[in-house]
Amino acid sequence: MNPILRHEKIMEALLTNKEVTVIELSEILKVTGKTIREDLTKLEEQGLIRRVHGGAVLAQADQFGILPSKEPITKHLDMKKSIAVAAMQQILPGDIIALDGGSTTLEIARQLPNQQYTIITNDVHIISELSKKDKINLVVPGGYRVRNMLTGPEAVAYVKLLNIQKAFISATGIHLEHGLSVYTGELIDIKRALIDTARETIAVIDHHKFGQTALRTFAQLHEIHSLITDNGLPEAVLSEYRRAGIPIELSGNH
């Protein structure tokens, strides 16, 4: 197994179990403890994990908004709600919308009134939220479950057949050089399908994720049409992204 795949498997184990030991990872990946310790050192250098005695934990699980199997108590909720309110200004009754998985897109789902929309999503929390709204046409691509997300080749192929007007996309990190990134590769194909299929792609990302880079890039910034963040983004960072030609909208405090 090459190092990139090992790193993905290590991150998957951490996302599931919150803490892993060198011994456990060595058994899972069938490599020596020395190799695992070298992998952990590289992941720590990237700011993705924190070494602890005998193993590792996630470095910034609270900051990156990772969703466990049960619906989380979301940190920075006011910011995410503010972004969701701003996103609603771009949604019209009758629109065909895709909501990528994530805590901010979940807030968009909560903001949606029970009206005639078509919503495509692969997030089980969003599915649960929208299933209560009987006038919304809810489309679920299917697939197998990875934490709170449904993914797989069949789901990706189905998404590519749809006429999506606007896709609201989440990310673990956003960086001028490394673009939009996530911890593992399992969700990249369906994110790419949403981006490639939608007429308009809108990233919804709170300001804590700016300047952050996770393990796998799934899109460069020039591939998105606009970006909505909260007004906590420092003016210097905002100017830097706008100089790079990234259209950013700041949400207010709602």
C-alpha atoms as a PDB file:
ATOM      1  CA  MET A   1       0.000   0.000   0.000  1.00  0.00           C
ATOM      2  CA  ASN A   2       1.451   3.378  -0.998  1.00  0.00           C
ATOM      3  CA  PRO A   3       1.869   6.176   1.575  1.00  0.00           C
ATOM      4  CA  ILE A   4      -1.073   8.268   0.314  1.00  0.00           C
ATOM      5  CA  LEU A   5      -3.481   5.351   0.749  1.00  0.00           C
ATOM      6  CA  ARG A   6      -2.041   4.611   4.186  1.00  0.00           C
ATOM      7  CA  HIS A   7      -2.541   8.236   5.184  1.00  0.00           C
ATOM      8  CA  GLU A   8      -6.167   8.071   4.026  1.00  0.00           C
ATOM      9  CA  LYS A   9      -6.753   4.894   6.024  1.00  0.00           C
ATOM     10  CA  ILE A  10      -5.199   6.479   9.098  1.00  0.00           C
ATOM     11  CA  MET A  11      -7.473   9.522   8.768  1.00  0.00           C
ATOM     12  CA  GLU A  12     -10.494   7.256   8.268  1.00  0.00           C
ATOM     13  CA  ALA A  13      -9.620   5.384  11.465  1.00  0.00           C
ATOM     14  CA  LEU A  14      -9.304   8.661  13.357  1.00  0.00           C
ATOM     15  CA  LEU A  15     -12.584  10.034  12.012  1.00  0.00           C
ATOM     16  CA  THR A  16     -14.316   6.865  13.183  1.00  0.00           C
ATOM     17  CA  ASN A  17     -12.602   6.243  16.519  1.00  0.00           C
ATOM     18  CA  LYS A  18     -11.273   9.700  17.501  1.00  0.00           C
ATOM     19  CA  GLU A  19      -8.019   8.135  18.743  1.00  0.00           C
ATOM     20  CA  VAL A  20      -5.881   5.304  17.397  1.00  0.00           C
ATOM     21  CA  THR A  21      -2.735   3.551  18.561  1.00  0.00           C
ATOM     22  CA  VAL A  22       0.336   2.638  16.562  1.00  0.00           C
ATOM     23  CA  ILE A  23      -0.351  -1.046  17.306  1.00  0.00           C
ATOM     24  CA  GLU A  24      -3.924  -0.825  15.989  1.00  0.00           C
ATOM     25  CA  LEU A  25      -2.834   0.944  12.809  1.00  0.00           C
ATOM     26  CA  SER A  26      -0.005  -1.513  12.277  1.00  0.00           C
ATOM     27  CA  GLU A  27      -2.485  -4.406  12.418  1.00  0.00           C
ATOM     28  CA  ILE A  28      -5.037  -2.667  10.160  1.00  0.00           C
ATOM     29  CA  LEU A  29      -2.518  -1.640   7.498  1.00  0.00           C
ATOM     30  CA  LYS A  30      -0.203  -4.672   7.764  1.00  0.00           C
ATOM     31  CA  VAL A  31       2.942  -2.580   8.100  1.00  0.00           C
ATOM     32  CA  THR A  32       5.525  -2.154  10.832  1.00  0.00           C
ATOM     33  CA  GLY A  33       5.170   0.166  13.780  1.00  0.00           C
ATOM     34  CA  LYS A  34       8.147   2.116  12.426  1.00  0.00           C
ATOM     35  CA  THR A  35       6.268   2.812   9.176  1.00  0.00           C
ATOM     36  CA  ILE A  36       3.168   3.914  11.091  1.00  0.00           C
ATOM     37  CA  ARG A  37       5.200   6.271  13.285  1.00  0.00           C
ATOM     38  CA  GLU A  38       6.763   7.791  10.152  1.00  0.00           C
ATOM     39  CA  ASP A  39       3.276   8.226   8.640  1.00  0.00           C
ATOM     40  CA  LEU A  40       2.009   9.876  11.824  1.00  0.00           C
ATOM     41  CA  THR A  41       4.966  12.245  11.832  1.00  0.00           C
ATOM     42  CA  LYS A  42       4.157  13.360   8.271  1.00  0.00           C
ATOM     43  CA  LEU A  43       0.466  13.829   9.059  1.00  0.00           C
ATOM     44  CA  GLU A  44       1.375  15.837  12.158  1.00  0.00           C
ATOM     45  CA  GLU A  45       3.686  18.042  10.080  1.00  0.00           C
ATOM     46  CA  GLN A  46       0.681  18.790   7.840  1.00  0.00           C
ATOM     47  CA  GLY A  47      -1.344  19.823  10.883  1.00  0.00           C
ATOM     48  CA  LEU A  48      -3.878  17.016  10.413  1.00  0.00           C
ATOM     49  CA  ILE A  49      -3.214  15.003  13.575  1.00  0.00           C
ATOM     50  CA  ARG A  50      -1.613  15.369  16.981  1.00  0.00           C
ATOM     51  CA  ARG A  51       0.698  12.696  18.319  1.00  0.00           C
ATOM     52  CA  VAL A  52      -0.115  11.294  21.750  1.00  0.00           C
ATOM     53  CA  HIS A  53       1.596   8.561  23.725  1.00  0.00           C
ATOM     54  CA  GLY A  54       1.389   5.387  21.660  1.00  0.00           C
ATOM     55  CA  GLY A  55      -0.809   6.822  18.927  1.00  0.00           C
ATOM     56  CA  ALA A  56      -2.581   9.913  17.585  1.00  0.00           C
ATOM     57  CA  VAL A  57      -5.742  12.044  17.714  1.00  0.00           C
ATOM     58  CA  LEU A  58      -7.215  14.513  15.216  1.00  0.00           C
ATOM     59  CA  ALA A  59      -5.565  17.914  15.437  1.00  0.00           C
ATOM     60  CA  GLN A  60      -8.594  20.114  14.834  1.00  0.00           C
ATOM     61  CA  ALA A  61     -11.777  18.052  14.802  1.00  0.00           C
ATOM     62  CA  ASP A  62     -13.773  20.925  16.281  1.00  0.00           C
ATOM     63  CA  GLN A  63     -12.540  23.431  13.723  1.00  0.00           C
ATOM     64  CA  PHE A  64     -13.119  21.340  10.623  1.00  0.00           C
ATOM     65  CA  GLY A  65     -16.722  20.434  11.389  1.00  0.00           C
ATOM     66  CA  ILE A  66     -16.356  16.685  10.937  1.00  0.00           C
ATOM     67  CA  LEU A  67     -19.701  14.987  11.289  1.00  0.00           C
ATOM     68  CA  PRO A  68     -19.957  11.798  13.332  1.00  0.00           C
ATOM     69  CA  SER A  69     -22.644   9.182  12.774  1.00  0.00           C
ATOM     70  CA  LYS A  70     -25.029  11.016  15.097  1.00  0.00           C
ATOM     71  CA  GLU A  71     -26.000  14.587  14.333  1.00  0.00           C
ATOM     72  CA  PRO A  72     -23.479  16.843  16.068  1.00  0.00           C
ATOM     73  CA  ILE A  73     -23.819  19.894  18.235  1.00  0.00           C
ATOM     74  CA  THR A  74     -22.252  22.194  15.679  1.00  0.00           C
ATOM     75  CA  LYS A  75     -19.515  24.576  16.694  1.00  0.00           C
ATOM     76  CA  HIS A  76     -19.650  28.095  15.222  1.00  0.00           C
ATOM     77  CA  LEU A  77     -23.387  27.557  14.682  1.00  0.00           C
ATOM     78  CA  ASP A  78     -24.222  31.283  14.454  1.00  0.00           C
ATOM     79  CA  MET A  79     -21.715  31.676  11.629  1.00  0.00           C
ATOM     80  CA  LYS A  80     -23.109  28.691   9.752  1.00  0.00           C
ATOM     81  CA  LYS A  81     -26.674  29.960  10.182  1.00  0.00           C
ATOM     82  CA  SER A  82     -25.595  33.344   8.865  1.00  0.00           C
ATOM     83  CA  ILE A  83     -24.024  31.711   5.788  1.00  0.00           C
ATOM     84  CA  ALA A  84     -27.199  29.660   5.271  1.00  0.00           C
ATOM     85  CA  VAL A  85     -29.379  32.785   5.382  1.00  0.00           C
ATOM     86  CA  ALA A  86     -27.156  34.398   2.743  1.00  0.00           C
ATOM     87  CA  ALA A  87     -27.311  31.232   0.616  1.00  0.00           C
ATOM     88  CA  MET A  88     -31.117  31.334   0.725  1.00  0.00           C
ATOM     89  CA  GLN A  89     -30.992  34.615  -1.209  1.00  0.00           C
ATOM     90  CA  GLN A  90     -29.737  32.611  -4.180  1.00  0.00           C
ATOM     91  CA  ILE A  91     -32.469  29.962  -4.044  1.00  0.00           C
ATOM     92  CA  LEU A  92     -35.812  30.460  -5.782  1.00  0.00           C
ATOM     93  CA  PRO A  93     -38.980  28.333  -5.541  1.00  0.00           C
ATOM     94  CA  GLY A  94     -38.837  25.648  -8.211  1.00  0.00           C
ATOM     95  CA  ASP A  95     -35.031  25.523  -8.254  1.00  0.00           C
ATOM     96  CA  ILE A  96     -33.168  22.220  -8.590  1.00  0.00           C
ATOM     97  CA  ILE A  97     -30.532  22.394  -5.868  1.00  0.00           C
ATOM     98  CA  ALA A  98     -27.779  20.070  -4.660  1.00  0.00           C
ATOM     99  CA  LEU A  99     -26.720  20.217  -1.012  1.00  0.00           C
ATOM    100  CA  ASP A 100     -23.342  18.612  -0.407  1.00  0.00           C
ATOM    101  CA  GLY A 101     -22.858  17.025   3.003  1.00  0.00           C
ATOM    102  CA  GLY A 102     -21.788  19.241   5.882  1.00  0.00           C
ATOM    103  CA  SER A 103     -22.876  21.252   8.881  1.00  0.00           C
ATOM    104  CA  THR A 104     -23.321  24.506   6.906  1.00  0.00           C
ATOM    105  CA  THR A 105     -25.381  22.853   4.165  1.00  0.00           C
ATOM    106  CA  LEU A 106     -27.469  21.257   6.925  1.00  0.00           C
ATOM    107  CA  GLU A 107     -28.290  24.787   8.088  1.00  0.00           C
ATOM    108  CA  ILE A 108     -29.387  25.640   4.528  1.00  0.00           C
ATOM    109  CA  ALA A 109     -31.746  22.648   4.639  1.00  0.00           C
ATOM    110  CA  ARG A 110     -33.176  23.950   7.926  1.00  0.00           C
ATOM    111  CA  GLN A 111     -33.726  27.385   6.380  1.00  0.00           C
ATOM    112  CA  LEU A 112     -35.624  26.003   3.388  1.00  0.00           C
ATOM    113  CA  PRO A 113     -39.370  26.633   3.677  1.00  0.00           C
ATOM    114  CA  ASN A 114     -41.765  23.810   2.825  1.00  0.00           C
ATOM    115  CA  GLN A 115     -42.183  24.876  -0.804  1.00  0.00           C
ATOM    116  CA  GLN A 116     -41.675  23.521  -4.291  1.00  0.00           C
ATOM    117  CA  TYR A 117     -37.958  22.832  -4.518  1.00  0.00           C
ATOM    118  CA  THR A 118     -36.084  19.819  -5.819  1.00  0.00           C
ATOM    119  CA  ILE A 119     -33.192  19.037  -3.501  1.00  0.00           C
ATOM    120  CA  ILE A 120     -30.471  16.479  -4.254  1.00  0.00           C
ATOM    121  CA  THR A 121     -28.370  15.413  -1.280  1.00  0.00           C
ATOM    122  CA  ASN A 122     -26.287  12.514  -0.024  1.00  0.00           C
ATOM    123  CA  ASP A 123     -26.115  13.664   3.630  1.00  0.00           C
ATOM    124  CA  VAL A 124     -28.256  11.549   5.964  1.00  0.00           C
ATOM    125  CA  HIS A 125     -28.755  14.476   8.379  1.00  0.00           C
ATOM    126  CA  ILE A 126     -30.049  16.680   5.537  1.00  0.00           C
ATOM    127  CA  ILE A 127     -32.247  13.837   4.297  1.00  0.00           C
ATOM    128  CA  SER A 128     -33.741  13.545   7.779  1.00  0.00           C
ATOM    129  CA  GLU A 129     -34.343  17.304   7.943  1.00  0.00           C
ATOM    130  CA  LEU A 130     -35.984  17.569   4.513  1.00  0.00           C
ATOM    131  CA  SER A 131     -38.097  14.443   4.854  1.00  0.00           C
ATOM    132  CA  LYS A 132     -40.297  16.482   7.231  1.00  0.00           C
ATOM    133  CA  LYS A 133     -41.109  18.963   4.439  1.00  0.00           C
ATOM    134  CA  ASP A 134     -43.594  17.221   2.167  1.00  0.00           C
ATOM    135  CA  LYS A 135     -43.671  19.852  -0.611  1.00  0.00           C
ATOM    136  CA  ILE A 136     -39.942  19.508  -1.259  1.00  0.00           C
ATOM    137  CA  ASN A 137     -39.041  16.927  -3.898  1.00  0.00           C
ATOM    138  CA  LEU A 138     -36.168  15.099  -2.175  1.00  0.00           C
ATOM    139  CA  VAL A 139     -33.759  13.194  -4.422  1.00  0.00           C
ATOM    140  CA  VAL A 140     -31.273  10.789  -2.809  1.00  0.00           C
ATOM    141  CA  PRO A 141     -28.605   9.327  -5.129  1.00  0.00           C
ATOM    142  CA  GLY A 142     -28.107   6.267  -2.904  1.00  0.00           C
ATOM    143  CA  GLY A 143     -24.849   4.406  -2.356  1.00  0.00           C
ATOM    144  CA  TYR A 144     -23.160   3.126   0.767  1.00  0.00           C
ATOM    145  CA  ARG A 145     -22.728   5.076   3.996  1.00  0.00           C
ATOM    146  CA  VAL A 146     -19.440   6.699   5.028  1.00  0.00           C
ATOM    147  CA  ARG A 147     -20.183   8.307   8.406  1.00  0.00           C
ATOM    148  CA  ASN A 148     -23.026  10.729   7.594  1.00  0.00           C
ATOM    149  CA  MET A 149     -22.608  10.557   3.796  1.00  0.00           C
ATOM    150  CA  LEU A 150     -23.862   8.263   1.053  1.00  0.00           C
ATOM    151  CA  THR A 151     -21.410   7.617  -1.747  1.00  0.00           C
ATOM    152  CA  GLY A 152     -20.311   5.040  -4.321  1.00  0.00           C
ATOM    153  CA  PRO A 153     -20.080   4.576  -8.112  1.00  0.00           C
ATOM    154  CA  GLU A 154     -23.852   4.211  -8.573  1.00  0.00           C
ATOM    155  CA  ALA A 155     -24.535   7.446  -6.687  1.00  0.00           C
ATOM    156  CA  VAL A 156     -21.900   9.296  -8.714  1.00  0.00           C
ATOM    157  CA  ALA A 157     -23.286   7.989 -12.026  1.00  0.00           C
ATOM    158  CA  TYR A 158     -26.820   9.007 -11.022  1.00  0.00           C
ATOM    159  CA  VAL A 159     -25.784  12.552 -10.090  1.00  0.00           C
ATOM    160  CA  LYS A 160     -24.140  12.993 -13.494  1.00  0.00           C
ATOM    161  CA  LEU A 161     -27.523  12.404 -15.177  1.00  0.00           C
ATOM    162  CA  LEU A 162     -29.276  15.222 -13.307  1.00  0.00           C
ATOM    163  CA  ASN A 163     -29.963  18.820 -14.345  1.00  0.00           C
ATOM    164  CA  ILE A 164     -28.690  20.616 -11.256  1.00  0.00           C
ATOM    165  CA  GLN A 165     -29.013  24.392 -11.326  1.00  0.00           C
ATOM    166  CA  LYS A 166     -27.014  25.244  -8.185  1.00  0.00           C
ATOM    167  CA  ALA A 167     -24.762  23.086  -6.032  1.00  0.00           C
ATOM    168  CA  PHE A 168     -23.811  24.238  -2.544  1.00  0.00           C
ATOM    169  CA  ILE A 169     -20.469  22.624  -1.684  1.00  0.00           C
ATOM    170  CA  SER A 170     -18.692  22.213   1.651  1.00  0.00           C
ATOM    171  CA  ALA A 171     -15.016  21.577   2.385  1.00  0.00           C
ATOM    172  CA  THR A 172     -12.711  20.747   5.260  1.00  0.00           C
ATOM    173  CA  GLY A 173     -10.204  23.400   4.238  1.00  0.00           C
ATOM    174  CA  ILE A 174      -9.832  26.215   1.722  1.00  0.00           C
ATOM    175  CA  HIS A 175      -6.466  27.476   0.522  1.00  0.00           C
ATOM    176  CA  LEU A 176      -5.396  29.722  -2.351  1.00  0.00           C
ATOM    177  CA  GLU A 177      -2.835  27.212  -3.606  1.00  0.00           C
ATOM    178  CA  HIS A 178      -4.408  23.893  -2.582  1.00  0.00           C
ATOM    179  CA  GLY A 179      -8.037  24.800  -3.277  1.00  0.00           C
ATOM    180  CA  LEU A 180     -10.887  22.966  -1.556  1.00  0.00           C
ATOM    181  CA  SER A 181      -9.830  19.870   0.357  1.00  0.00           C
ATOM    182  CA  VAL A 182     -11.151  17.028   2.524  1.00  0.00           C
ATOM    183  CA  TYR A 183      -9.591  14.426   4.794  1.00  0.00           C
ATOM    184  CA  THR A 184     -10.093  11.327   2.635  1.00  0.00           C
ATOM    185  CA  GLY A 185     -10.730  10.375  -0.971  1.00  0.00           C
ATOM    186  CA  GLU A 186     -13.970   8.458  -0.449  1.00  0.00           C
ATOM    187  CA  LEU A 187     -16.186  11.514  -0.944  1.00  0.00           C
ATOM    188  CA  ILE A 188     -14.244  13.168  -3.743  1.00  0.00           C
ATOM    189  CA  ASP A 189     -16.024  11.468  -6.658  1.00  0.00           C
ATOM    190  CA  ILE A 190     -19.485  12.584  -5.574  1.00  0.00           C
ATOM    191  CA  LYS A 191     -18.275  16.112  -4.824  1.00  0.00           C
ATOM    192  CA  ARG A 192     -16.723  16.204  -8.291  1.00  0.00           C
ATOM    193  CA  ALA A 193     -19.960  14.940  -9.836  1.00  0.00           C
ATOM    194  CA  LEU A 194     -21.893  17.786  -8.190  1.00  0.00           C
ATOM    195  CA  ILE A 195     -19.350  20.394  -9.307  1.00  0.00           C
ATOM    196  CA  ASP A 196     -19.108  19.052 -12.871  1.00  0.00           C
ATOM    197  CA  THR A 197     -22.886  18.684 -13.288  1.00  0.00           C
ATOM    198  CA  ALA A 198     -24.234  21.882 -11.737  1.00  0.00           C
ATOM    199  CA  ARG A 199     -24.640  25.029 -13.804  1.00  0.00           C
ATOM    200  CA  GLU A 200     -23.451  27.041 -10.802  1.00  0.00           C
ATOM    201  CA  THR A 201     -21.251  25.908  -7.889  1.00  0.00           C
ATOM    202  CA  ILE A 202     -21.359  27.870  -4.642  1.00  0.00           C
ATOM    203  CA  ALA A 203     -18.953  27.031  -1.804  1.00  0.00           C
ATOM    204  CA  VAL A 204     -20.294  27.634   1.715  1.00  0.00           C
ATOM    205  CA  ILE A 205     -17.390  27.724   4.173  1.00  0.00           C
ATOM    206  CA  ASP A 206     -16.977  29.435   7.550  1.00  0.00           C
ATOM    207  CA  HIS A 207     -13.952  31.662   8.028  1.00  0.00           C
ATOM    208  CA  HIS A 208     -12.110  29.243  10.363  1.00  0.00           C
ATOM    209  CA  LYS A 209     -11.381  26.978   7.391  1.00  0.00           C
ATOM    210  CA  PHE A 210      -9.545  29.626   5.338  1.00  0.00           C
ATOM    211  CA  GLY A 211      -5.843  28.928   4.985  1.00  0.00           C
ATOM    212  CA  GLN A 212      -6.391  25.297   6.002  1.00  0.00           C
ATOM    213  CA  THR A 213      -5.397  22.306   3.880  1.00  0.00           C
ATOM    214  CA  ALA A 214      -6.670  18.769   4.412  1.00  0.00           C
ATOM    215  CA  LEU A 215      -5.170  15.656   2.848  1.00  0.00           C
ATOM    216  CA  ARG A 216      -6.961  15.584  -0.528  1.00  0.00           C
ATOM    217  CA  THR A 217      -7.852  18.468  -2.855  1.00  0.00           C
ATOM    218  CA  PHE A 218     -11.121  17.933  -4.735  1.00  0.00           C
ATOM    219  CA  ALA A 219     -11.442  21.293  -6.541  1.00  0.00           C
ATOM    220  CA  GLN A 220      -9.397  24.350  -7.387  1.00  0.00           C
ATOM    221  CA  LEU A 221     -10.875  27.717  -6.494  1.00  0.00           C
ATOM    222  CA  HIS A 222     -11.336  28.776 -10.114  1.00  0.00           C
ATOM    223  CA  GLU A 223     -13.842  25.926 -10.519  1.00  0.00           C
ATOM    224  CA  ILE A 224     -16.374  27.501  -8.176  1.00  0.00           C
ATOM    225  CA  HIS A 225     -18.608  30.380  -9.248  1.00  0.00           C
ATOM    226  CA  SER A 226     -18.894  32.043  -5.851  1.00  0.00           C
ATOM    227  CA  LEU A 227     -18.092  31.568  -2.182  1.00  0.00           C
ATOM    228  CA  ILE A 228     -20.152  32.524   0.856  1.00  0.00           C
ATOM    229  CA  THR A 229     -18.479  32.893   4.232  1.00  0.00           C
ATOM    230  CA  ASP A 230     -19.266  34.710   7.480  1.00  0.00           C
ATOM    231  CA  ASN A 231     -18.150  38.215   8.304  1.00  0.00           C
ATOM    232  CA  GLY A 232     -15.513  36.930  10.722  1.00  0.00           C
ATOM    233  CA  LEU A 233     -13.096  36.602   7.800  1.00  0.00           C
ATOM    234  CA  PRO A 234     -10.204  39.050   8.386  1.00  0.00           C
ATOM    235  CA  GLU A 235     -10.059  41.931   5.907  1.00  0.00           C
ATOM    236  CA  ALA A 236      -6.504  41.007   4.871  1.00  0.00           C
ATOM    237  CA  VAL A 237      -7.572  37.440   3.986  1.00  0.00           C
ATOM    238  CA  LEU A 238     -10.659  38.695   2.141  1.00  0.00           C
ATOM    239  CA  SER A 239      -8.523  41.078   0.067  1.00  0.00           C
ATOM    240  CA  GLU A 240      -6.015  38.326  -0.715  1.00  0.00           C
ATOM    241  CA  TYR A 241      -8.723  36.026  -2.094  1.00  0.00           C
ATOM    242  CA  ARG A 242     -10.440  38.798  -4.030  1.00  0.00           C
ATOM    243  CA  ARG A 243      -7.129  39.817  -5.603  1.00  0.00           C
ATOM    244  CA  ALA A 244      -6.848  36.213  -6.763  1.00  0.00           C
ATOM    245  CA  GLY A 245     -10.202  36.621  -8.530  1.00  0.00           C
ATOM    246  CA  ILE A 246     -12.318  34.606  -6.069  1.00  0.00           C
ATOM    247  CA  PRO A 247     -15.802  36.128  -5.727  1.00  0.00           C
ATOM    248  CA  ILE A 248     -16.580  36.107  -1.990  1.00  0.00           C
ATOM    249  CA  GLU A 249     -19.794  37.174  -0.311  1.00  0.00           C
ATOM    250  CA  LEU A 250     -19.750  37.930   3.411  1.00  0.00           C
ATOM    251  CA  SER A 251     -22.878  37.019   5.300  1.00  0.00           C
ATOM    252  CA  GLY A 252     -24.143  39.331   8.035  1.00  0.00           C
ATOM    253  CA  ASN A 253     -25.139  38.535  11.581  1.00  0.00           C
ATOM    254  CA  HIS A 254     -28.697  37.289  11.278  1.00  0.00           C
END
